[in-house]
Amino acid sequence: WKNNQVYRNRYVQDRQVKKEYLERGIARWQKESEQKGEFLALHRKAPINSIIAINNPMNNRTLYAKVIGRIPEAVYDQNVIVVLSPKDAMLLGARDANFFVKMRYLK
């Protein structure tokens, strides 16, 4: 969590000059993936290289992640609003490959 503080500070700073948008929906992650990246996400609308805030309402944990690309339309349906790395999903307390999140991003 200490490493995530840098992204949190950047998000709070950017919120001063950009408009904040809220989304609710499904976060997805690949349980069987061996990807080691942390604090990385794919999103449909947030600008690439921006920081997003992802909240798991079941345990009220919030994680800040950097958007590194778009969600592939052919792989994920429209209900999936964010794709996370396995480490991020574990930090948020996810147990299933799909879980409900509240997400904020800046534009």
N, C-alpha and C. Protein backbone atom coordinates (compact mmCIF):
# COMPACT_ATOMS: atom_id res chain seq x y z
N TRP A 1 0.81 -1.20 0.00
CA TRP A 1 0.00 0.00 0.00
C TRP A 1 0.86 1.26 0.00
N LYS A 2 2.04 1.18 0.58
CA LYS A 2 2.91 2.36 0.62
C LYS A 2 3.27 2.81 -0.79
N ASN A 3 3.53 1.84 -1.68
CA ASN A 3 3.87 2.17 -3.07
C ASN A 3 2.71 2.84 -3.78
N ASN A 4 1.48 2.57 -3.37
CA ASN A 4 0.31 3.12 -4.03
C ASN A 4 0.08 4.59 -3.65
N GLN A 5 0.72 5.07 -2.62
CA GLN A 5 0.56 6.45 -2.16
C GLN A 5 0.98 7.47 -3.23
N VAL A 6 1.97 7.12 -4.03
CA VAL A 6 2.43 8.02 -5.11
C VAL A 6 1.30 8.27 -6.10
N TYR A 7 0.61 7.19 -6.52
CA TYR A 7 -0.51 7.33 -7.46
C TYR A 7 -1.67 8.07 -6.81
N ARG A 8 -1.91 7.83 -5.54
CA ARG A 8 -2.99 8.54 -4.83
C ARG A 8 -2.71 10.04 -4.81
N ASN A 9 -1.49 10.42 -4.50
CA ASN A 9 -1.13 11.84 -4.46
C ASN A 9 -1.29 12.48 -5.84
N ARG A 10 -0.90 11.77 -6.89
CA ARG A 10 -1.04 12.30 -8.25
C ARG A 10 -2.52 12.47 -8.61
N TYR A 11 -3.35 11.50 -8.22
CA TYR A 11 -4.79 11.58 -8.50
C TYR A 11 -5.40 12.79 -7.81
N VAL A 12 -5.08 12.97 -6.54
CA VAL A 12 -5.61 14.11 -5.77
C VAL A 12 -5.17 15.43 -6.39
N GLN A 13 -3.93 15.50 -6.82
CA GLN A 13 -3.42 16.72 -7.45
C GLN A 13 -4.12 17.00 -8.78
N ASP A 14 -4.30 15.97 -9.61
CA ASP A 14 -4.96 16.14 -10.91
C ASP A 14 -6.43 16.50 -10.76
N ARG A 15 -7.05 16.06 -9.67
CA ARG A 15 -8.47 16.33 -9.43
C ARG A 15 -8.75 17.83 -9.28
N GLN A 16 -7.72 18.60 -8.96
CA GLN A 16 -7.88 20.05 -8.81
C GLN A 16 -8.20 20.74 -10.14
N VAL A 17 -7.73 20.15 -11.25
CA VAL A 17 -7.87 20.81 -12.55
C VAL A 17 -8.69 20.03 -13.58
N LYS A 18 -9.05 18.79 -13.27
CA LYS A 18 -9.80 17.96 -14.22
C LYS A 18 -11.14 17.56 -13.62
N LYS A 19 -12.06 17.17 -14.50
CA LYS A 19 -13.38 16.73 -14.07
C LYS A 19 -13.34 15.25 -13.69
N GLU A 20 -14.01 14.91 -12.60
CA GLU A 20 -14.03 13.54 -12.11
C GLU A 20 -15.31 12.83 -12.56
N TYR A 21 -15.16 11.59 -13.04
CA TYR A 21 -16.28 10.77 -13.49
C TYR A 21 -16.36 9.51 -12.62
N LEU A 22 -17.58 9.05 -12.35
CA LEU A 22 -17.80 7.86 -11.54
C LEU A 22 -18.44 6.77 -12.38
N GLU A 23 -17.94 5.55 -12.25
CA GLU A 23 -18.51 4.38 -12.92
C GLU A 23 -18.67 3.27 -11.89
N ARG A 24 -19.68 2.45 -12.11
CA ARG A 24 -19.90 1.26 -11.28
C ARG A 24 -20.06 0.09 -12.23
N GLY A 25 -19.43 -1.00 -11.89
CA GLY A 25 -19.54 -2.17 -12.76
C GLY A 25 -18.59 -3.26 -12.35
N ILE A 26 -18.25 -4.09 -13.30
CA ILE A 26 -17.45 -5.28 -13.04
C ILE A 26 -15.97 -5.03 -13.35
N ALA A 27 -15.13 -5.42 -12.40
CA ALA A 27 -13.68 -5.47 -12.63
C ALA A 27 -13.34 -6.91 -12.96
N ARG A 28 -12.38 -7.10 -13.80
CA ARG A 28 -11.99 -8.44 -14.24
C ARG A 28 -10.49 -8.60 -14.07
N TRP A 29 -10.08 -9.78 -13.70
CA TRP A 29 -8.66 -10.12 -13.65
C TRP A 29 -8.50 -11.59 -13.98
N GLN A 30 -7.33 -11.97 -14.44
CA GLN A 30 -7.04 -13.35 -14.82
C GLN A 30 -6.40 -14.06 -13.64
N LYS A 31 -7.16 -14.94 -12.99
CA LYS A 31 -6.65 -15.66 -11.83
C LYS A 31 -5.41 -16.48 -12.15
N GLU A 32 -5.40 -17.08 -13.32
CA GLU A 32 -4.29 -17.97 -13.67
C GLU A 32 -3.08 -17.23 -14.23
N SER A 33 -3.17 -15.94 -14.39
CA SER A 33 -2.08 -15.15 -14.95
C SER A 33 -0.91 -15.07 -13.97
N GLU A 34 0.29 -15.05 -14.52
CA GLU A 34 1.49 -14.92 -13.70
C GLU A 34 2.10 -13.53 -13.85
N GLN A 35 1.33 -12.60 -14.36
CA GLN A 35 1.80 -11.23 -14.55
C GLN A 35 2.21 -10.64 -13.21
N LYS A 36 3.33 -9.95 -13.19
CA LYS A 36 3.86 -9.40 -11.95
C LYS A 36 3.58 -7.91 -11.77
N GLY A 37 2.99 -7.26 -12.78
CA GLY A 37 2.77 -5.82 -12.71
C GLY A 37 1.84 -5.43 -11.57
N GLU A 38 2.06 -4.26 -11.05
CA GLU A 38 1.17 -3.78 -10.01
C GLU A 38 0.75 -2.36 -10.32
N PHE A 39 -0.46 -2.03 -9.89
CA PHE A 39 -1.04 -0.70 -10.08
C PHE A 39 -1.18 -0.35 -11.55
N LEU A 40 -1.58 -1.36 -12.36
CA LEU A 40 -1.80 -1.18 -13.79
C LEU A 40 -3.21 -1.62 -14.13
N ALA A 41 -3.83 -0.93 -15.10
CA ALA A 41 -5.21 -1.25 -15.46
C ALA A 41 -5.47 -0.96 -16.93
N LEU A 42 -6.50 -1.62 -17.45
CA LEU A 42 -7.04 -1.31 -18.78
C LEU A 42 -8.42 -0.71 -18.56
N HIS A 43 -8.75 0.34 -19.32
CA HIS A 43 -10.04 1.01 -19.16
C HIS A 43 -10.51 1.51 -20.52
N ARG A 44 -11.82 1.63 -20.69
CA ARG A 44 -12.38 2.05 -21.99
C ARG A 44 -12.32 3.55 -22.23
N LYS A 45 -12.51 4.38 -21.20
CA LYS A 45 -12.67 5.81 -21.40
C LYS A 45 -11.57 6.69 -20.81
N ALA A 46 -10.97 6.26 -19.72
CA ALA A 46 -9.96 7.09 -19.05
C ALA A 46 -8.75 7.28 -19.96
N PRO A 47 -8.16 8.47 -19.96
CA PRO A 47 -6.98 8.70 -20.80
C PRO A 47 -5.84 7.75 -20.43
N ILE A 48 -5.12 7.28 -21.44
CA ILE A 48 -3.97 6.42 -21.20
C ILE A 48 -2.91 7.23 -20.45
N ASN A 49 -2.26 6.60 -19.51
CA ASN A 49 -1.26 7.17 -18.59
C ASN A 49 -1.87 8.00 -17.48
N SER A 50 -3.19 8.02 -17.37
CA SER A 50 -3.83 8.71 -16.25
C SER A 50 -3.98 7.74 -15.08
N ILE A 51 -4.33 8.28 -13.93
CA ILE A 51 -4.52 7.48 -12.72
C ILE A 51 -6.01 7.35 -12.45
N ILE A 52 -6.45 6.13 -12.11
CA ILE A 52 -7.85 5.89 -11.76
C ILE A 52 -7.91 5.37 -10.32
N ALA A 53 -9.04 5.62 -9.67
CA ALA A 53 -9.27 5.13 -8.31
C ALA A 53 -10.30 4.01 -8.38
N ILE A 54 -9.95 2.84 -7.85
CA ILE A 54 -10.82 1.68 -7.89
C ILE A 54 -11.15 1.29 -6.45
N ASN A 55 -12.45 1.22 -6.15
CA ASN A 55 -12.90 0.91 -4.80
C ASN A 55 -13.70 -0.38 -4.79
N ASN A 56 -13.35 -1.28 -3.87
CA ASN A 56 -14.12 -2.50 -3.67
C ASN A 56 -15.08 -2.22 -2.51
N PRO A 57 -16.38 -2.05 -2.79
CA PRO A 57 -17.33 -1.68 -1.73
C PRO A 57 -17.55 -2.77 -0.68
N MET A 58 -17.14 -4.00 -0.97
CA MET A 58 -17.31 -5.08 0.00
C MET A 58 -16.42 -4.90 1.23
N ASN A 59 -15.22 -4.33 1.01
CA ASN A 59 -14.30 -4.12 2.13
C ASN A 59 -13.81 -2.68 2.22
N ASN A 60 -14.32 -1.83 1.33
CA ASN A 60 -14.00 -0.40 1.27
C ASN A 60 -12.51 -0.12 1.03
N ARG A 61 -11.81 -1.02 0.36
CA ARG A 61 -10.42 -0.77 -0.02
C ARG A 61 -10.40 0.00 -1.33
N THR A 62 -9.51 0.98 -1.42
CA THR A 62 -9.35 1.76 -2.64
C THR A 62 -7.91 1.65 -3.12
N LEU A 63 -7.77 1.39 -4.40
CA LEU A 63 -6.47 1.25 -5.03
C LEU A 63 -6.38 2.25 -6.18
N TYR A 64 -5.24 2.86 -6.37
CA TYR A 64 -5.02 3.78 -7.48
C TYR A 64 -4.11 3.09 -8.49
N ALA A 65 -4.52 3.12 -9.76
CA ALA A 65 -3.78 2.40 -10.80
C ALA A 65 -3.60 3.29 -12.02
N LYS A 66 -2.55 3.00 -12.76
CA LYS A 66 -2.25 3.73 -13.99
C LYS A 66 -2.88 3.00 -15.17
N VAL A 67 -3.56 3.75 -16.02
CA VAL A 67 -4.19 3.17 -17.22
C VAL A 67 -3.10 3.00 -18.28
N ILE A 68 -2.91 1.74 -18.70
CA ILE A 68 -1.86 1.48 -19.68
C ILE A 68 -2.41 1.12 -21.06
N GLY A 69 -3.74 1.05 -21.18
CA GLY A 69 -4.32 0.73 -22.47
C GLY A 69 -5.83 0.59 -22.40
N ARG A 70 -6.41 0.24 -23.53
CA ARG A 70 -7.86 0.05 -23.66
C ARG A 70 -8.23 -1.41 -23.45
N ILE A 71 -9.46 -1.63 -23.03
CA ILE A 71 -9.99 -2.99 -22.88
C ILE A 71 -10.33 -3.52 -24.26
N PRO A 72 -9.79 -4.68 -24.65
CA PRO A 72 -10.10 -5.24 -25.97
C PRO A 72 -11.58 -5.63 -26.07
N GLU A 73 -12.27 -5.07 -27.05
CA GLU A 73 -13.71 -5.31 -27.23
C GLU A 73 -14.00 -6.78 -27.53
N ALA A 74 -13.12 -7.44 -28.26
CA ALA A 74 -13.36 -8.83 -28.66
C ALA A 74 -13.17 -9.81 -27.50
N VAL A 75 -12.50 -9.39 -26.44
CA VAL A 75 -12.19 -10.29 -25.34
C VAL A 75 -13.15 -10.13 -24.17
N TYR A 76 -13.52 -8.90 -23.86
CA TYR A 76 -14.37 -8.61 -22.69
C TYR A 76 -15.67 -7.96 -23.13
N ASP A 77 -16.77 -8.32 -22.46
CA ASP A 77 -18.05 -7.70 -22.81
C ASP A 77 -18.16 -6.30 -22.21
N GLN A 78 -19.24 -5.60 -22.53
CA GLN A 78 -19.43 -4.20 -22.12
C GLN A 78 -19.63 -4.03 -20.62
N ASN A 79 -19.97 -5.09 -19.90
CA ASN A 79 -20.16 -4.99 -18.45
C ASN A 79 -18.86 -4.80 -17.70
N VAL A 80 -17.74 -5.19 -18.30
CA VAL A 80 -16.44 -5.06 -17.66
C VAL A 80 -15.95 -3.62 -17.86
N ILE A 81 -15.79 -2.90 -16.73
CA ILE A 81 -15.37 -1.50 -16.84
C ILE A 81 -13.88 -1.31 -16.63
N VAL A 82 -13.21 -2.29 -16.01
CA VAL A 82 -11.78 -2.19 -15.78
C VAL A 82 -11.18 -3.59 -15.70
N VAL A 83 -9.98 -3.74 -16.25
CA VAL A 83 -9.23 -5.00 -16.17
C VAL A 83 -7.98 -4.71 -15.35
N LEU A 84 -7.79 -5.53 -14.31
CA LEU A 84 -6.69 -5.31 -13.36
C LEU A 84 -5.64 -6.40 -13.45
N SER A 85 -4.46 -6.11 -12.93
CA SER A 85 -3.44 -7.13 -12.79
C SER A 85 -3.81 -8.01 -11.59
N PRO A 86 -3.32 -9.25 -11.54
CA PRO A 86 -3.64 -10.13 -10.42
C PRO A 86 -3.25 -9.55 -9.06
N LYS A 87 -2.12 -8.90 -8.98
CA LYS A 87 -1.68 -8.34 -7.70
C LYS A 87 -2.64 -7.25 -7.23
N ASP A 88 -3.11 -6.42 -8.16
CA ASP A 88 -4.06 -5.36 -7.80
C ASP A 88 -5.37 -5.96 -7.29
N ALA A 89 -5.85 -7.00 -7.97
CA ALA A 89 -7.10 -7.64 -7.55
C ALA A 89 -6.95 -8.24 -6.16
N MET A 90 -5.81 -8.82 -5.87
CA MET A 90 -5.58 -9.38 -4.54
C MET A 90 -5.53 -8.29 -3.48
N LEU A 91 -4.90 -7.16 -3.80
CA LEU A 91 -4.86 -6.04 -2.85
C LEU A 91 -6.26 -5.51 -2.55
N LEU A 92 -7.13 -5.57 -3.55
CA LEU A 92 -8.50 -5.11 -3.34
C LEU A 92 -9.37 -6.18 -2.66
N GLY A 93 -8.83 -7.36 -2.45
CA GLY A 93 -9.57 -8.41 -1.76
C GLY A 93 -10.48 -9.22 -2.67
N ALA A 94 -10.21 -9.24 -3.96
CA ALA A 94 -11.06 -9.99 -4.90
C ALA A 94 -10.86 -11.48 -4.71
N ARG A 95 -11.97 -12.21 -4.77
CA ARG A 95 -11.90 -13.66 -4.66
C ARG A 95 -12.26 -14.33 -5.99
N ASP A 96 -13.11 -13.69 -6.75
CA ASP A 96 -13.55 -14.23 -8.04
C ASP A 96 -12.89 -13.44 -9.16
N ALA A 97 -12.90 -14.02 -10.36
CA ALA A 97 -12.32 -13.36 -11.52
C ALA A 97 -13.08 -12.09 -11.88
N ASN A 98 -14.38 -12.05 -11.59
CA ASN A 98 -15.20 -10.86 -11.78
C ASN A 98 -15.67 -10.39 -10.42
N PHE A 99 -15.57 -9.09 -10.15
CA PHE A 99 -16.11 -8.55 -8.91
C PHE A 99 -16.56 -7.11 -9.11
N PHE A 100 -17.54 -6.68 -8.31
CA PHE A 100 -18.13 -5.35 -8.44
C PHE A 100 -17.20 -4.29 -7.85
N VAL A 101 -17.04 -3.17 -8.57
CA VAL A 101 -16.22 -2.06 -8.09
C VAL A 101 -16.92 -0.73 -8.39
N LYS A 102 -16.51 0.28 -7.66
CA LYS A 102 -16.83 1.66 -7.97
C LYS A 102 -15.52 2.29 -8.41
N MET A 103 -15.57 3.00 -9.50
CA MET A 103 -14.34 3.53 -10.07
C MET A 103 -14.48 5.00 -10.41
N ARG A 104 -13.44 5.77 -10.15
CA ARG A 104 -13.41 7.19 -10.51
C ARG A 104 -12.21 7.43 -11.43
N TYR A 105 -12.43 8.28 -12.43
CA TYR A 105 -11.32 8.67 -13.30
C TYR A 105 -11.47 10.14 -13.65
N LEU A 106 -10.39 10.73 -14.13
CA LEU A 106 -10.33 12.16 -14.45
C LEU A 106 -10.14 12.37 -15.93
N LYS A 107 -10.81 13.40 -16.45
CA LYS A 107 -10.64 13.80 -17.86
C LYS A 107 -10.55 15.29 -17.93
